Amino acid sequence: MAAGMYLEHYLDSIENLPFELQRNFNLMRDLDQRTEDLKGQIDSLAKEYTANARTLSSEQKLSILRQIQQSYSKCKEFGDDKVQLAMQTYEMVDKHIRRLDTDLARFEADLKEKQIESTDYDSTSSKGKKSDSRQKEKKIAKTRSKVKSSDEDGSPKSAQKKVKLLQPGEFNSPSSNFGNVHPSDVLDMPVDPNEPTYCLCHQVSYGEMIGCDNTDCSIEWFHFACVGLTTKPRGKWYCPRCSQDRKRK
């Protein structure tokens, strides 16, 4: 049951409680007043008896004693009624308190159960995230190892680095020393469609490659065969496009 709905029902159940308590308290106050009146009568009869004991006849004495006894009996009845009202009032309040305690205990149990379920879910989710993180770390380590091996052979610095690809006609053909390069000249091998491409041939990295020393180079890495190289040149090396741009400046 929702907390708001429960509170509404609970308030409805105790709506008449104040009036019932007030009624019982008024009855107990009325019984107290009647008892006090009877005690006053008993005191008056006792004084009359003691003051006129010598002059009163036996029947008069017996009548006064009966009146005193009846008054005491009536006071006892009023006292019993007052005790019953007090017990009824206590039970009336205690009933709502017990109900509130029971509902509170049930709500606390439900809350703990939800917290346990939430903790289990978070733990499972955390384990899943840790597992995914470990798999990603393994992939990154494997990629770094592959890139490091490729660097030793002159391959690109990062196999996963995104580069700007040249559109057809954007770059003029290099000088005759480099020759014309076509994708059909690349070795026929399976290629991951998500793997980045390099060089003038727009193919993936393979074999020996060289990096352009121009930090703003859009291609960055080139195959030896595509740029007419057989060995790594000494000093700085610029790709055909960057070389032409430098000459224009």
Protein backbone atom coordinates (compact mmCIF):
# COMPACT_ATOMS: atom_id res chain seq x y z
CA MET A 1 0.00 0.00 0.00
CA ALA A 2 1.32 3.44 -0.90
CA ALA A 3 2.38 5.64 2.00
CA GLY A 4 -0.10 8.37 1.07
CA MET A 5 -3.01 5.93 0.84
CA TYR A 6 -2.05 4.24 4.12
CA LEU A 7 -1.85 7.59 5.90
CA GLU A 8 -5.27 8.56 4.59
CA HIS A 9 -6.83 5.28 5.82
CA TYR A 10 -5.09 5.55 9.17
CA LEU A 11 -6.29 9.11 9.72
CA ASP A 12 -9.82 8.01 8.84
CA SER A 13 -9.63 5.21 11.44
CA ILE A 14 -8.65 7.60 14.24
CA GLU A 15 -10.96 10.40 13.17
CA ASN A 16 -13.49 9.62 15.94
CA LEU A 17 -10.87 8.78 18.58
CA PRO A 18 -10.70 12.29 20.12
CA PHE A 19 -14.50 12.42 20.54
CA GLU A 20 -14.58 8.96 22.14
CA LEU A 21 -11.80 9.92 24.54
CA GLN A 22 -13.54 13.14 25.44
CA ARG A 23 -16.80 11.26 26.11
CA ASN A 24 -15.06 8.76 28.43
CA PHE A 25 -13.23 11.53 30.29
CA ASN A 26 -16.51 13.41 30.78
CA LEU A 27 -18.15 10.24 32.14
CA MET A 28 -15.25 9.67 34.55
CA ARG A 29 -15.48 13.28 35.70
CA ASP A 30 -19.22 12.87 36.27
CA LEU A 31 -18.59 9.69 38.30
CA ASP A 32 -16.01 11.54 40.37
CA GLN A 33 -18.52 14.29 41.08
CA ARG A 34 -21.20 11.79 42.11
CA THR A 35 -18.74 10.01 44.38
CA GLU A 36 -17.79 13.28 46.04
CA ASP A 37 -21.48 14.07 46.60
CA LEU A 38 -22.03 10.67 48.20
CA LYS A 39 -18.98 11.12 50.41
CA GLY A 40 -20.47 14.42 51.58
CA GLN A 41 -23.71 12.66 52.42
CA ILE A 42 -21.83 9.94 54.30
CA ASP A 43 -19.96 12.57 56.32
CA SER A 44 -23.26 14.29 57.22
CA LEU A 45 -24.90 11.02 58.25
CA ALA A 46 -21.84 10.06 60.30
CA LYS A 47 -21.87 13.39 62.14
CA GLU A 48 -25.61 13.10 62.77
CA TYR A 49 -25.16 9.61 64.13
CA THR A 50 -22.30 10.48 66.45
CA ALA A 51 -23.98 13.69 67.68
CA ASN A 52 -27.34 12.10 68.44
CA ALA A 53 -26.29 8.55 69.25
CA ARG A 54 -27.57 8.81 72.82
CA THR A 55 -30.99 10.24 71.87
CA LEU A 56 -31.63 8.17 68.74
CA SER A 57 -33.68 5.06 68.94
CA SER A 58 -32.42 1.73 67.69
CA GLU A 59 -34.52 1.96 64.54
CA GLN A 60 -33.18 5.48 63.76
CA LYS A 61 -29.61 4.31 64.34
CA LEU A 62 -30.17 1.32 62.07
CA SER A 63 -31.71 3.55 59.36
CA ILE A 64 -28.72 5.93 59.42
CA LEU A 65 -26.26 3.05 59.26
CA ARG A 66 -28.11 1.57 56.28
CA GLN A 67 -27.99 4.90 54.46
CA ILE A 68 -24.25 5.13 55.09
CA GLN A 69 -23.78 1.56 53.86
CA GLN A 70 -25.84 2.20 50.73
CA SER A 71 -23.82 5.36 50.01
CA TYR A 72 -20.58 3.43 50.36
CA SER A 73 -21.92 0.72 48.07
CA LYS A 74 -22.90 3.37 45.53
CA CYS A 75 -19.44 4.93 45.74
CA LYS A 76 -17.92 1.51 45.10
CA GLU A 77 -20.12 1.09 42.00
CA PHE A 78 -19.06 4.51 40.74
CA GLY A 79 -15.41 3.56 41.33
CA ASP A 80 -15.82 0.28 39.41
CA ASP A 81 -17.49 2.12 36.54
CA LYS A 82 -14.63 4.63 36.49
CA VAL A 83 -12.07 1.80 36.38
CA GLN A 84 -13.94 0.20 33.46
CA LEU A 85 -13.99 3.51 31.59
CA ALA A 86 -10.25 3.97 32.21
CA MET A 87 -9.50 0.46 30.91
CA GLN A 88 -11.73 1.04 27.89
CA THR A 89 -9.96 4.33 27.17
CA TYR A 90 -6.53 2.66 27.48
CA GLU A 91 -7.53 -0.20 25.14
CA MET A 92 -8.97 2.29 22.69
CA VAL A 93 -5.65 4.15 22.40
CA ASP A 94 -3.47 1.04 22.69
CA LYS A 95 -5.32 -0.61 19.79
CA HIS A 96 -4.26 2.16 17.42
CA ILE A 97 -0.72 2.16 18.81
CA ARG A 98 -0.38 -1.61 18.23
CA ARG A 99 -1.69 -1.24 14.70
CA LEU A 100 0.73 1.59 14.02
CA ASP A 101 3.65 -0.46 15.42
CA THR A 102 2.70 -3.49 13.31
CA ASP A 103 2.40 -1.44 10.13
CA LEU A 104 5.65 0.33 10.89
CA ALA A 105 7.45 -3.01 11.34
CA ARG A 106 6.00 -4.25 8.04
CA PHE A 107 7.07 -1.08 6.24
CA GLU A 108 10.59 -1.38 7.65
CA ALA A 109 10.78 -5.00 6.49
CA ASP A 110 9.61 -4.01 2.99
CA LEU A 111 12.13 -1.18 2.92
CA LYS A 112 14.98 -3.50 3.92
CA GLU A 113 13.92 -6.02 1.28
CA LYS A 114 13.92 -3.32 -1.40
CA GLN A 115 17.34 -2.11 -0.24
CA ILE A 116 18.68 -5.68 -0.47
CA GLU A 117 17.24 -6.07 -3.97
CA SER A 118 18.73 -2.71 -4.97
CA THR A 119 22.11 -3.70 -3.51
CA ASP A 120 22.04 -7.02 -5.38
CA TYR A 121 21.16 -5.22 -8.61
CA ASP A 122 23.91 -2.65 -8.11
CA SER A 123 26.38 -5.45 -7.32
CA THR A 124 25.40 -7.35 -10.46
CA SER A 125 25.55 -4.19 -12.54
CA SER A 126 28.95 -3.33 -11.05
CA LYS A 127 30.26 -6.81 -11.84
CA GLY A 128 29.02 -6.46 -15.40
CA LYS A 129 30.69 -3.06 -15.73
CA LYS A 130 33.93 -4.42 -14.29
CA SER A 131 33.81 -7.33 -16.73
CA ASP A 132 33.19 -4.97 -19.66
CA SER A 133 35.98 -2.71 -18.39
CA ARG A 134 38.39 -5.64 -18.19
CA GLN A 135 37.49 -6.73 -21.71
CA LYS A 136 38.03 -3.18 -22.97
CA GLU A 137 41.37 -3.00 -21.16
CA LYS A 138 42.41 -6.30 -22.76
CA LYS A 139 41.39 -4.99 -26.19
CA ILE A 140 43.30 -1.74 -25.61
CA ALA A 141 46.38 -3.63 -24.40
CA LYS A 142 46.18 -5.93 -27.42
CA THR A 143 45.81 -2.94 -29.74
CA ARG A 144 48.74 -1.14 -28.09
CA SER A 145 50.86 -4.25 -28.47
CA LYS A 146 49.92 -4.46 -32.13
CA VAL A 147 50.61 -0.76 -32.67
CA LYS A 148 53.94 -1.02 -30.88
CA SER A 149 54.92 -3.92 -33.11
CA SER A 150 53.80 -1.93 -36.14
CA ASP A 151 55.83 1.10 -34.97
CA GLU A 152 58.95 -0.99 -34.93
CA ASP A 153 58.28 -1.81 -38.58
CA GLY A 154 57.50 1.81 -39.45
CA SER A 155 53.70 1.40 -39.23
CA PRO A 156 51.30 4.12 -37.96
CA LYS A 157 51.54 5.36 -34.38
CA SER A 158 47.95 4.39 -33.63
CA ALA A 159 46.00 1.81 -35.55
CA GLN A 160 42.76 3.27 -34.23
CA LYS A 161 43.54 6.92 -34.90
CA LYS A 162 40.94 8.60 -37.06
CA VAL A 163 42.36 10.40 -40.09
CA LYS A 164 40.93 12.60 -42.76
CA LEU A 165 40.54 10.69 -46.01
CA LEU A 166 41.16 12.36 -49.33
CA GLN A 167 38.25 12.64 -51.73
CA PRO A 168 38.77 11.65 -55.36
CA GLY A 169 40.40 14.48 -57.26
CA GLU A 170 41.38 16.36 -54.07
CA PHE A 171 45.04 15.48 -54.35
CA ASN A 172 47.10 15.71 -57.48
CA SER A 173 49.15 12.71 -58.47
CA PRO A 174 52.71 12.69 -57.11
CA SER A 175 55.78 13.12 -59.25
CA SER A 176 56.79 10.41 -61.69
CA ASN A 177 59.36 9.08 -59.17
CA PHE A 178 56.47 7.86 -57.00
CA GLY A 179 54.31 6.45 -59.80
CA ASN A 180 50.55 6.03 -59.84
CA VAL A 181 49.07 4.02 -56.97
CA HIS A 182 45.75 2.17 -57.21
CA PRO A 183 43.85 0.16 -54.61
CA SER A 184 44.16 -2.90 -56.83
CA ASP A 185 47.91 -2.89 -56.16
CA VAL A 186 47.32 -3.62 -52.46
CA LEU A 187 47.67 -7.21 -51.26
CA ASP A 188 44.45 -9.15 -51.37
CA MET A 189 43.65 -9.91 -47.71
CA PRO A 190 40.62 -9.83 -45.38
CA VAL A 191 40.06 -6.33 -43.94
CA ASP A 192 38.03 -5.26 -40.95
CA PRO A 193 35.52 -2.67 -42.27
CA ASN A 194 35.97 -0.68 -39.02
CA GLU A 195 39.77 -0.54 -39.29
CA PRO A 196 41.10 2.91 -40.32
CA THR A 197 42.74 3.42 -43.70
CA TYR A 198 45.92 5.30 -44.61
CA CYS A 199 48.17 6.31 -47.47
CA LEU A 200 47.32 7.50 -50.96
CA CYS A 201 45.70 4.14 -51.69
CA HIS A 202 43.19 4.50 -48.85
CA GLN A 203 44.01 1.03 -47.54
CA VAL A 204 44.69 -0.38 -44.10
CA SER A 205 48.17 -0.52 -42.61
CA TYR A 206 50.42 -3.39 -43.76
CA GLY A 207 54.12 -3.97 -44.40
CA GLU A 208 56.57 -1.12 -43.90
CA MET A 209 55.11 2.36 -43.54
CA ILE A 210 56.52 5.83 -43.00
CA GLY A 211 55.03 8.81 -41.24
CA CYS A 212 54.96 12.34 -42.64
CA ASP A 213 56.87 14.81 -40.43
CA ASN A 214 54.23 17.46 -41.07
CA THR A 215 52.10 17.46 -37.91
CA ASP A 216 49.14 18.84 -39.92
CA CYS A 217 49.26 16.09 -42.53
CA SER A 218 45.75 14.75 -43.14
CA ILE A 219 46.95 11.26 -44.12
CA GLU A 220 50.00 10.95 -41.83
CA TRP A 221 51.10 7.39 -42.72
CA PHE A 222 52.11 5.94 -46.11
CA HIS A 223 53.15 2.56 -47.49
CA PHE A 224 56.72 2.42 -48.73
CA ALA A 225 55.66 1.10 -52.14
CA CYS A 226 52.99 3.80 -52.60
CA VAL A 227 55.50 6.65 -52.18
CA GLY A 228 58.39 4.95 -54.01
CA LEU A 229 60.52 4.06 -51.00
CA THR A 230 62.46 0.87 -50.34
CA THR A 231 64.30 1.98 -47.19
CA LYS A 232 63.64 4.52 -44.50
CA PRO A 233 65.18 7.89 -45.49
CA ARG A 234 67.42 9.83 -43.13
CA GLY A 235 66.20 13.07 -41.56
CA LYS A 236 62.75 14.46 -41.97
CA TRP A 237 60.46 13.14 -44.67
CA TYR A 238 57.35 14.78 -46.12
CA CYS A 239 54.66 13.13 -48.19
CA PRO A 240 54.09 14.23 -51.82
CA ARG A 241 51.20 16.49 -50.90
CA CYS A 242 52.97 18.21 -48.02
CA SER A 243 56.12 18.56 -50.16
CA GLN A 244 54.13 20.41 -52.85
CA ASP A 245 52.51 22.64 -50.19
CA ARG A 246 55.95 23.48 -48.78
CA LYS A 247 57.24 24.38 -52.27
CA ARG A 248 54.29 26.68 -52.84
CA LYS A 249 55.11 28.54 -49.63
